[in-house]
Amino acid sequence: MTVYIFKEQQNINSQVQGTRFSARSLTAAKRAAESARVYQNTVLTIAYETGEIVSVKVAGKWQDTN
């Protein structure tokens, strides 16, 4: 399992505290981030434990960075 950090931000440039969680794949991490989402129309960011951003969801679409 890989450790990811999930952030829900008001916009892409916001700085917020992240939540650490484990997932078997990036797809599972995206599902977990969607389930943990509290507000609508926010930016979801998933990063590795090192801080490297893996995927960002803006305007309803996931954009992988690799």
C-alpha atoms as a PDB file:
ATOM      1  CA  MET A   1       0.000   0.000   0.000  1.00  0.00           C
ATOM      2  CA  THR A   2       1.126   3.498  -0.781  1.00  0.00           C
ATOM      3  CA  VAL A   3       0.781   6.441   1.602  1.00  0.00           C
ATOM      4  CA  TYR A   4      -0.877   9.498   0.046  1.00  0.00           C
ATOM      5  CA  ILE A   5      -1.758  12.960   1.311  1.00  0.00           C
ATOM      6  CA  PHE A   6      -5.192  14.359   0.428  1.00  0.00           C
ATOM      7  CA  LYS A   7      -5.953  18.090   0.461  1.00  0.00           C
ATOM      8  CA  GLU A   8      -9.228  19.893  -0.183  1.00  0.00           C
ATOM      9  CA  GLN A   9      -8.534  23.469  -1.187  1.00  0.00           C
ATOM     10  CA  GLN A  10     -10.677  26.464  -2.042  1.00  0.00           C
ATOM     11  CA  ASN A  11      -8.475  27.070  -5.102  1.00  0.00           C
ATOM     12  CA  ILE A  12      -5.299  25.570  -6.547  1.00  0.00           C
ATOM     13  CA  ASN A  13      -3.040  28.103  -4.772  1.00  0.00           C
ATOM     14  CA  SER A  14      -4.521  27.690  -1.272  1.00  0.00           C
ATOM     15  CA  GLN A  15      -2.333  26.231   1.466  1.00  0.00           C
ATOM     16  CA  VAL A  16      -4.125  23.790   3.765  1.00  0.00           C
ATOM     17  CA  GLN A  17      -3.239  20.930   6.091  1.00  0.00           C
ATOM     18  CA  GLY A  18      -3.322  17.546   4.372  1.00  0.00           C
ATOM     19  CA  THR A  19      -4.715  14.224   5.586  1.00  0.00           C
ATOM     20  CA  ARG A  20      -2.541  11.099   5.315  1.00  0.00           C
ATOM     21  CA  PHE A  21      -4.098   7.818   4.209  1.00  0.00           C
ATOM     22  CA  SER A  22      -3.081   4.540   2.573  1.00  0.00           C
ATOM     23  CA  ALA A  23      -4.446   3.144  -0.680  1.00  0.00           C
ATOM     24  CA  ARG A  24      -3.582   0.230  -2.961  1.00  0.00           C
ATOM     25  CA  SER A  25      -3.609   2.333  -6.143  1.00  0.00           C
ATOM     26  CA  LEU A  26      -4.051   5.872  -7.385  1.00  0.00           C
ATOM     27  CA  THR A  27      -7.607   4.985  -8.460  1.00  0.00           C
ATOM     28  CA  ALA A  28      -8.412   3.865  -4.906  1.00  0.00           C
ATOM     29  CA  ALA A  29      -6.819   7.063  -3.574  1.00  0.00           C
ATOM     30  CA  LYS A  30      -9.051   9.150  -5.853  1.00  0.00           C
ATOM     31  CA  ARG A  31     -12.144   7.302  -4.594  1.00  0.00           C
ATOM     32  CA  ALA A  32     -11.083   7.860  -0.981  1.00  0.00           C
ATOM     33  CA  ALA A  33     -10.506  11.572  -1.655  1.00  0.00           C
ATOM     34  CA  GLU A  34     -13.970  11.890  -3.198  1.00  0.00           C
ATOM     35  CA  SER A  35     -15.502  10.186  -0.163  1.00  0.00           C
ATOM     36  CA  ALA A  36     -13.634  12.495   2.225  1.00  0.00           C
ATOM     37  CA  ARG A  37     -14.638  15.647   0.342  1.00  0.00           C
ATOM     38  CA  VAL A  38     -16.657  18.030   2.511  1.00  0.00           C
ATOM     39  CA  TYR A  39     -17.475  20.952   0.199  1.00  0.00           C
ATOM     40  CA  GLN A  40     -18.595  21.195  -3.415  1.00  0.00           C
ATOM     41  CA  ASN A  41     -16.578  23.020  -6.094  1.00  0.00           C
ATOM     42  CA  THR A  42     -13.265  22.693  -4.278  1.00  0.00           C
ATOM     43  CA  VAL A  43      -9.928  21.535  -5.637  1.00  0.00           C
ATOM     44  CA  LEU A  44      -8.848  18.056  -4.531  1.00  0.00           C
ATOM     45  CA  THR A  45      -5.126  17.298  -4.499  1.00  0.00           C
ATOM     46  CA  ILE A  46      -3.479  13.912  -3.984  1.00  0.00           C
ATOM     47  CA  ALA A  47       0.258  13.772  -3.306  1.00  0.00           C
ATOM     48  CA  TYR A  48       2.778  11.152  -2.289  1.00  0.00           C
ATOM     49  CA  GLU A  49       4.088  11.203   1.270  1.00  0.00           C
ATOM     50  CA  THR A  50       7.141  13.087  -0.035  1.00  0.00           C
ATOM     51  CA  GLY A  51       4.920  15.977  -1.147  1.00  0.00           C
ATOM     52  CA  GLU A  52       5.093  15.248  -4.894  1.00  0.00           C
ATOM     53  CA  ILE A  53       1.653  15.974  -6.359  1.00  0.00           C
ATOM     54  CA  VAL A  54       0.217  12.969  -8.188  1.00  0.00           C
ATOM     55  CA  SER A  55      -3.253  14.127  -9.235  1.00  0.00           C
ATOM     56  CA  VAL A  56      -5.483  17.198  -9.002  1.00  0.00           C
ATOM     57  CA  LYS A  57      -9.249  17.400  -9.482  1.00  0.00           C
ATOM     58  CA  VAL A  58     -10.418  20.743 -10.833  1.00  0.00           C
ATOM     59  CA  ALA A  59     -13.886  21.425 -12.237  1.00  0.00           C
ATOM     60  CA  GLY A  60     -14.933  17.792 -11.889  1.00  0.00           C
ATOM     61  CA  LYS A  61     -12.006  16.215 -13.787  1.00  0.00           C
ATOM     62  CA  TRP A  62      -8.918  14.464 -12.444  1.00  0.00           C
ATOM     63  CA  GLN A  63      -5.627  15.578 -14.005  1.00  0.00           C
ATOM     64  CA  ASP A  64      -2.699  13.228 -13.336  1.00  0.00           C
ATOM     65  CA  THR A  65       0.701  14.908 -13.230  1.00  0.00           C
ATOM     66  CA  ASN A  66       2.820  12.020 -14.545  1.00  0.00           C
END
